[in-house]
Amino acid sequence: MCIGCHEIPGYKASFPNVYSVPMITGQSAKYIEASLVAYRKGDRSHPTMRAIAGSLTDQDIADLAALYGSK
């Protein structure tokens, strides 16, 4: 799911506004995990990311953070 937006150099999304999607490869696992938890809790407000993070378990988040944090 993450690859479709976060691994395409220069990718721009158009919902809710046009914006540059950040690359997550190279971010620290701790940052990725904290970001996903914040989206899931509603502390970060991007609607697509809130929906995606809301479907993830704690283990899913830890696994994604470890994967992208190690790239």
PDB file of N, CA and C in Angstrom:
ATOM      1  N   MET A   1       0.827  -1.190   0.000  1.00  0.00           N
ATOM      2  CA  MET A   1       0.000   0.000   0.000  1.00  0.00           C
ATOM      3  C   MET A   1       0.877   1.262   0.000  1.00  0.00           C
ATOM      4  N   CYS A   2       1.943   1.258   0.755  1.00  0.00           N
ATOM      5  CA  CYS A   2       2.800   2.450   0.884  1.00  0.00           C
ATOM      6  C   CYS A   2       3.549   2.764  -0.415  1.00  0.00           C
ATOM      7  N   ILE A   3       3.938   1.704  -1.108  1.00  0.00           N
ATOM      8  CA  ILE A   3       4.755   1.863  -2.311  1.00  0.00           C
ATOM      9  C   ILE A   3       4.082   2.757  -3.346  1.00  0.00           C
ATOM     10  N   GLY A   4       2.765   2.616  -3.495  1.00  0.00           N
ATOM     11  CA  GLY A   4       2.033   3.328  -4.528  1.00  0.00           C
ATOM     12  C   GLY A   4       2.160   4.836  -4.477  1.00  0.00           C
ATOM     13  N   CYS A   5       2.461   5.386  -3.331  1.00  0.00           N
ATOM     14  CA  CYS A   5       2.613   6.847  -3.211  1.00  0.00           C
ATOM     15  C   CYS A   5       3.995   7.246  -2.704  1.00  0.00           C
ATOM     16  N   HIS A   6       4.498   6.528  -1.710  1.00  0.00           N
ATOM     17  CA  HIS A   6       5.697   6.969  -0.996  1.00  0.00           C
ATOM     18  C   HIS A   6       7.021   6.517  -1.595  1.00  0.00           C
ATOM     19  N   GLU A   7       6.990   5.705  -2.641  1.00  0.00           N
ATOM     20  CA  GLU A   7       8.256   5.284  -3.252  1.00  0.00           C
ATOM     21  C   GLU A   7       8.398   5.748  -4.689  1.00  0.00           C
ATOM     22  N   ILE A   8       7.542   6.664  -5.109  1.00  0.00           N
ATOM     23  CA  ILE A   8       7.627   7.193  -6.467  1.00  0.00           C
ATOM     24  C   ILE A   8       8.256   8.587  -6.393  1.00  0.00           C
ATOM     25  N   PRO A   9       9.487   8.730  -6.866  1.00  0.00           N
ATOM     26  CA  PRO A   9      10.142  10.039  -6.796  1.00  0.00           C
ATOM     27  C   PRO A   9       9.299  11.128  -7.471  1.00  0.00           C
ATOM     28  N   GLY A  10       9.089  12.218  -6.771  1.00  0.00           N
ATOM     29  CA  GLY A  10       8.370  13.356  -7.315  1.00  0.00           C
ATOM     30  C   GLY A  10       6.862  13.177  -7.394  1.00  0.00           C
ATOM     31  N   TYR A  11       6.333  12.122  -6.789  1.00  0.00           N
ATOM     32  CA  TYR A  11       4.895  11.845  -6.880  1.00  0.00           C
ATOM     33  C   TYR A  11       4.075  12.941  -6.201  1.00  0.00           C
ATOM     34  N   LYS A  12       2.992  13.330  -6.853  1.00  0.00           N
ATOM     35  CA  LYS A  12       2.068  14.307  -6.277  1.00  0.00           C
ATOM     36  C   LYS A  12       0.687  13.681  -6.231  1.00  0.00           C
ATOM     37  N   ALA A  13       0.019  13.867  -5.117  1.00  0.00           N
ATOM     38  CA  ALA A  13      -1.346  13.380  -4.950  1.00  0.00           C
ATOM     39  C   ALA A  13      -2.292  14.564  -5.073  1.00  0.00           C
ATOM     40  N   SER A  14      -3.546  14.276  -5.302  1.00  0.00           N
ATOM     41  CA  SER A  14      -4.499  15.372  -5.514  1.00  0.00           C
ATOM     42  C   SER A  14      -5.653  15.382  -4.519  1.00  0.00           C
ATOM     43  N   PHE A  15      -5.545  14.616  -3.448  1.00  0.00           N
ATOM     44  CA  PHE A  15      -6.617  14.610  -2.452  1.00  0.00           C
ATOM     45  C   PHE A  15      -6.025  14.788  -1.078  1.00  0.00           C
ATOM     46  N   PRO A  16      -6.457  15.665  -0.270  1.00  0.00           N
ATOM     47  CA  PRO A  16      -7.541  16.610  -0.510  1.00  0.00           C
ATOM     48  C   PRO A  16      -7.101  17.821  -1.332  1.00  0.00           C
ATOM     49  N   ASN A  17      -5.821  18.061  -1.430  1.00  0.00           N
ATOM     50  CA  ASN A  17      -5.259  19.120  -2.284  1.00  0.00           C
ATOM     51  C   ASN A  17      -4.075  18.519  -3.016  1.00  0.00           C
ATOM     52  N   VAL A  18      -3.596  19.205  -4.037  1.00  0.00           N
ATOM     53  CA  VAL A  18      -2.386  18.742  -4.711  1.00  0.00           C
ATOM     54  C   VAL A  18      -1.197  19.017  -3.792  1.00  0.00           C
ATOM     55  N   TYR A  19      -0.417  17.986  -3.542  1.00  0.00           N
ATOM     56  CA  TYR A  19       0.756  18.130  -2.672  1.00  0.00           C
ATOM     57  C   TYR A  19       1.784  17.078  -3.051  1.00  0.00           C
ATOM     58  N   SER A  20       3.026  17.343  -2.726  1.00  0.00           N
ATOM     59  CA  SER A  20       4.096  16.380  -2.955  1.00  0.00           C
ATOM     60  C   SER A  20       4.074  15.349  -1.832  1.00  0.00           C
ATOM     61  N   VAL A  21       4.042  14.093  -2.209  1.00  0.00           N
ATOM     62  CA  VAL A  21       4.025  13.006  -1.230  1.00  0.00           C
ATOM     63  C   VAL A  21       5.461  12.779  -0.762  1.00  0.00           C
ATOM     64  N   PRO A  22       5.685  12.753   0.545  1.00  0.00           N
ATOM     65  CA  PRO A  22       7.050  12.562   1.035  1.00  0.00           C
ATOM     66  C   PRO A  22       7.545  11.134   0.840  1.00  0.00           C
ATOM     67  N   MET A  23       8.821  11.007   0.574  1.00  0.00           N
ATOM     68  CA  MET A  23       9.449   9.691   0.516  1.00  0.00           C
ATOM     69  C   MET A  23       9.640   9.217   1.954  1.00  0.00           C
ATOM     70  N   ILE A  24       9.296   7.979   2.235  1.00  0.00           N
ATOM     71  CA  ILE A  24       9.480   7.486   3.606  1.00  0.00           C
ATOM     72  C   ILE A  24      10.719   6.609   3.739  1.00  0.00           C
ATOM     73  N   THR A  25      11.248   6.175   2.602  1.00  0.00           N
ATOM     74  CA  THR A  25      12.497   5.413   2.638  1.00  0.00           C
ATOM     75  C   THR A  25      13.574   6.302   3.235  1.00  0.00           C
ATOM     76  N   GLY A  26      14.284   5.778   4.211  1.00  0.00           N
ATOM     77  CA  GLY A  26      15.346   6.547   4.848  1.00  0.00           C
ATOM     78  C   GLY A  26      14.925   7.282   6.100  1.00  0.00           C
ATOM     79  N   GLN A  27      13.618   7.391   6.329  1.00  0.00           N
ATOM     80  CA  GLN A  27      13.162   7.970   7.598  1.00  0.00           C
ATOM     81  C   GLN A  27      13.449   6.948   8.691  1.00  0.00           C
ATOM     82  N   SER A  28      13.578   7.400   9.916  1.00  0.00           N
ATOM     83  CA  SER A  28      13.835   6.456  11.002  1.00  0.00           C
ATOM     84  C   SER A  28      12.569   5.660  11.305  1.00  0.00           C
ATOM     85  N   ALA A  29      12.763   4.431  11.740  1.00  0.00           N
ATOM     86  CA  ALA A  29      11.636   3.574  12.092  1.00  0.00           C
ATOM     87  C   ALA A  29      10.797   4.228  13.188  1.00  0.00           C
ATOM     88  N   LYS A  30      11.449   4.877  14.119  1.00  0.00           N
ATOM     89  CA  LYS A  30      10.740   5.534  15.224  1.00  0.00           C
ATOM     90  C   LYS A  30       9.815   6.639  14.693  1.00  0.00           C
ATOM     91  N   TYR A  31      10.298   7.412  13.744  1.00  0.00           N
ATOM     92  CA  TYR A  31       9.496   8.487  13.150  1.00  0.00           C
ATOM     93  C   TYR A  31       8.295   7.922  12.391  1.00  0.00           C
ATOM     94  N   ILE A  32       8.533   6.888  11.593  1.00  0.00           N
ATOM     95  CA  ILE A  32       7.447   6.275  10.813  1.00  0.00           C
ATOM     96  C   ILE A  32       6.389   5.701  11.744  1.00  0.00           C
ATOM     97  N   GLU A  33       6.826   5.002  12.754  1.00  0.00           N
ATOM     98  CA  GLU A  33       5.879   4.419  13.710  1.00  0.00           C
ATOM     99  C   GLU A  33       5.070   5.504  14.412  1.00  0.00           C
ATOM    100  N   ALA A  34       5.737   6.542  14.881  1.00  0.00           N
ATOM    101  CA  ALA A  34       5.040   7.637  15.568  1.00  0.00           C
ATOM    102  C   ALA A  34       4.053   8.334  14.640  1.00  0.00           C
ATOM    103  N   SER A  35       4.437   8.496  13.376  1.00  0.00           N
ATOM    104  CA  SER A  35       3.548   9.143  12.408  1.00  0.00           C
ATOM    105  C   SER A  35       2.304   8.305  12.155  1.00  0.00           C
ATOM    106  N   LEU A  36       2.480   7.009  11.956  1.00  0.00           N
ATOM    107  CA  LEU A  36       1.333   6.137  11.704  1.00  0.00           C
ATOM    108  C   LEU A  36       0.396   6.078  12.907  1.00  0.00           C
ATOM    109  N   VAL A  37       0.965   6.032  14.096  1.00  0.00           N
ATOM    110  CA  VAL A  37       0.139   6.026  15.309  1.00  0.00           C
ATOM    111  C   VAL A  37      -0.627   7.347  15.421  1.00  0.00           C
ATOM    112  N   ALA A  38       0.037   8.449  15.103  1.00  0.00           N
ATOM    113  CA  ALA A  38      -0.624   9.758  15.171  1.00  0.00           C
ATOM    114  C   ALA A  38      -1.770   9.849  14.157  1.00  0.00           C
ATOM    115  N   TYR A  39      -1.577   9.309  12.962  1.00  0.00           N
ATOM    116  CA  TYR A  39      -2.673   9.285  11.985  1.00  0.00           C
ATOM    117  C   TYR A  39      -3.818   8.423  12.508  1.00  0.00           C
ATOM    118  N   ARG A  40      -3.496   7.276  13.051  1.00  0.00           N
ATOM    119  CA  ARG A  40      -4.529   6.368  13.554  1.00  0.00           C
ATOM    120  C   ARG A  40      -5.330   7.000  14.685  1.00  0.00           C
ATOM    121  N   LYS A  41      -4.657   7.727  15.555  1.00  0.00           N
ATOM    122  CA  LYS A  41      -5.330   8.382  16.682  1.00  0.00           C
ATOM    123  C   LYS A  41      -6.082   9.645  16.268  1.00  0.00           C
ATOM    124  N   GLY A  42      -5.781  10.177  15.085  1.00  0.00           N
ATOM    125  CA  GLY A  42      -6.421  11.408  14.643  1.00  0.00           C
ATOM    126  C   GLY A  42      -5.629  12.653  14.974  1.00  0.00           C
ATOM    127  N   ASP A  43      -4.413  12.485  15.508  1.00  0.00           N
ATOM    128  CA  ASP A  43      -3.559  13.634  15.829  1.00  0.00           C
ATOM    129  C   ASP A  43      -2.965  14.267  14.567  1.00  0.00           C
ATOM    130  N   ARG A  44      -2.881  13.494  13.492  1.00  0.00           N
ATOM    131  CA  ARG A  44      -2.492  14.017  12.186  1.00  0.00           C
ATOM    132  C   ARG A  44      -3.719  13.853  11.298  1.00  0.00           C
ATOM    133  N   SER A  45      -3.962  14.822  10.423  1.00  0.00           N
ATOM    134  CA  SER A  45      -5.282  14.910   9.824  1.00  0.00           C
ATOM    135  C   SER A  45      -5.449  14.506   8.366  1.00  0.00           C
ATOM    136  N   HIS A  46      -4.446  14.047   7.672  1.00  0.00           N
ATOM    137  CA  HIS A  46      -4.629  13.718   6.265  1.00  0.00           C
ATOM    138  C   HIS A  46      -5.630  12.560   6.142  1.00  0.00           C
ATOM    139  N   PRO A  47      -6.751  12.765   5.414  1.00  0.00           N
ATOM    140  CA  PRO A  47      -7.816  11.758   5.380  1.00  0.00           C
ATOM    141  C   PRO A  47      -7.397  10.392   4.830  1.00  0.00           C
ATOM    142  N   THR A  48      -6.591  10.371   3.796  1.00  0.00           N
ATOM    143  CA  THR A  48      -6.171   9.079   3.243  1.00  0.00           C
ATOM    144  C   THR A  48      -5.281   8.342   4.227  1.00  0.00           C
ATOM    145  N   MET A  49      -4.320   9.054   4.795  1.00  0.00           N
ATOM    146  CA  MET A  49      -3.421   8.417   5.751  1.00  0.00           C
ATOM    147  C   MET A  49      -4.157   7.999   7.026  1.00  0.00           C
ATOM    148  N   ARG A  50      -5.129   8.766   7.453  1.00  0.00           N
ATOM    149  CA  ARG A  50      -5.926   8.372   8.630  1.00  0.00           C
ATOM    150  C   ARG A  50      -6.662   7.068   8.355  1.00  0.00           C
ATOM    151  N   ALA A  51      -7.231   6.937   7.164  1.00  0.00           N
ATOM    152  CA  ALA A  51      -7.955   5.713   6.814  1.00  0.00           C
ATOM    153  C   ALA A  51      -7.010   4.514   6.746  1.00  0.00           C
ATOM    154  N   ILE A  52      -5.867   4.702   6.123  1.00  0.00           N
ATOM    155  CA  ILE A  52      -4.902   3.604   6.011  1.00  0.00           C
ATOM    156  C   ILE A  52      -4.383   3.216   7.385  1.00  0.00           C
ATOM    157  N   ALA A  53      -3.932   4.180   8.163  1.00  0.00           N
ATOM    158  CA  ALA A  53      -3.388   3.882   9.488  1.00  0.00           C
ATOM    159  C   ALA A  53      -4.450   3.278  10.394  1.00  0.00           C
ATOM    160  N   GLY A  54      -5.687   3.690  10.216  1.00  0.00           N
ATOM    161  CA  GLY A  54      -6.771   3.152  11.031  1.00  0.00           C
ATOM    162  C   GLY A  54      -7.012   1.675  10.792  1.00  0.00           C
ATOM    163  N   SER A  55      -6.570   1.173   9.647  1.00  0.00           N
ATOM    164  CA  SER A  55      -6.754  -0.246   9.336  1.00  0.00           C
ATOM    165  C   SER A  55      -5.574  -1.100   9.791  1.00  0.00           C
ATOM    166  N   LEU A  56      -4.530  -0.464  10.318  1.00  0.00           N
ATOM    167  CA  LEU A  56      -3.318  -1.185  10.706  1.00  0.00           C
ATOM    168  C   LEU A  56      -3.332  -1.574  12.182  1.00  0.00           C
ATOM    169  N   THR A  57      -2.824  -2.754  12.472  1.00  0.00           N
ATOM    170  CA  THR A  57      -2.637  -3.174  13.857  1.00  0.00           C
ATOM    171  C   THR A  57      -1.322  -2.586  14.374  1.00  0.00           C
ATOM    172  N   ASP A  58      -1.104  -2.688  15.667  1.00  0.00           N
ATOM    173  CA  ASP A  58       0.177  -2.247  16.225  1.00  0.00           C
ATOM    174  C   ASP A  58       1.335  -3.006  15.577  1.00  0.00           C
ATOM    175  N   GLN A  59       1.130  -4.304  15.348  1.00  0.00           N
ATOM    176  CA  GLN A  59       2.190  -5.103  14.729  1.00  0.00           C
ATOM    177  C   GLN A  59       2.428  -4.679  13.287  1.00  0.00           C
ATOM    178  N   ASP A  60       1.361  -4.374  12.544  1.00  0.00           N
ATOM    179  CA  ASP A  60       1.516  -3.870  11.172  1.00  0.00           C
ATOM    180  C   ASP A  60       2.366  -2.600  11.165  1.00  0.00           C
ATOM    181  N   ILE A  61       2.060  -1.693  12.070  1.00  0.00           N
ATOM    182  CA  ILE A  61       2.793  -0.427  12.143  1.00  0.00           C
ATOM    183  C   ILE A  61       4.255  -0.671  12.476  1.00  0.00           C
ATOM    184  N   ALA A  62       4.502  -1.543  13.442  1.00  0.00           N
ATOM    185  CA  ALA A  62       5.890  -1.858  13.811  1.00  0.00           C
ATOM    186  C   ALA A  62       6.633  -2.481  12.634  1.00  0.00           C
ATOM    187  N   ASP A  63       5.966  -3.376  11.909  1.00  0.00           N
ATOM    188  CA  ASP A  63       6.596  -4.031  10.760  1.00  0.00           C
ATOM    189  C   ASP A  63       6.897  -3.038   9.641  1.00  0.00           C
ATOM    190  N   LEU A  64       5.941  -2.171   9.331  1.00  0.00           N
ATOM    191  CA  LEU A  64       6.165  -1.160   8.288  1.00  0.00           C
ATOM    192  C   LEU A  64       7.283  -0.208   8.675  1.00  0.00           C
ATOM    193  N   ALA A  65       7.288   0.201   9.934  1.00  0.00           N
ATOM    194  CA  ALA A  65       8.332   1.107  10.412  1.00  0.00           C
ATOM    195  C   ALA A  65       9.704   0.457  10.297  1.00  0.00           C
ATOM    196  N   ALA A  66       9.780  -0.820  10.678  1.00  0.00           N
ATOM    197  CA  ALA A  66      11.062  -1.535  10.587  1.00  0.00           C
ATOM    198  C   ALA A  66      11.495  -1.682   9.136  1.00  0.00           C
ATOM    199  N   LEU A  67      10.558  -2.006   8.255  1.00  0.00           N
ATOM    200  CA  LEU A  67      10.895  -2.183   6.834  1.00  0.00           C
ATOM    201  C   LEU A  67      11.391  -0.880   6.221  1.00  0.00           C
ATOM    202  N   TYR A  68      10.611   0.181   6.335  1.00  0.00           N
ATOM    203  CA  TYR A  68      11.011   1.444   5.698  1.00  0.00           C
ATOM    204  C   TYR A  68      12.160   2.115   6.431  1.00  0.00           C
ATOM    205  N   GLY A  69      12.284   1.884   7.701  1.00  0.00           N
ATOM    206  CA  GLY A  69      13.385   2.461   8.460  1.00  0.00           C
ATOM    207  C   GLY A  69      14.726   1.819   8.139  1.00  0.00           C
ATOM    208  N   SER A  70      14.665   0.630   7.525  1.00  0.00           N
ATOM    209  CA  SER A  70      15.907  -0.075   7.205  1.00  0.00           C
ATOM    210  C   SER A  70      16.335   0.091   5.748  1.00  0.00           C
ATOM    211  N   LYS A  71      15.523   0.782   4.944  1.00  0.00           N
ATOM    212  CA  LYS A  71      15.852   0.943   3.514  1.00  0.00           C
ATOM    213  C   LYS A  71      16.837   2.069   3.305  1.00  0.00           C
TER     214      LYS A  71
END
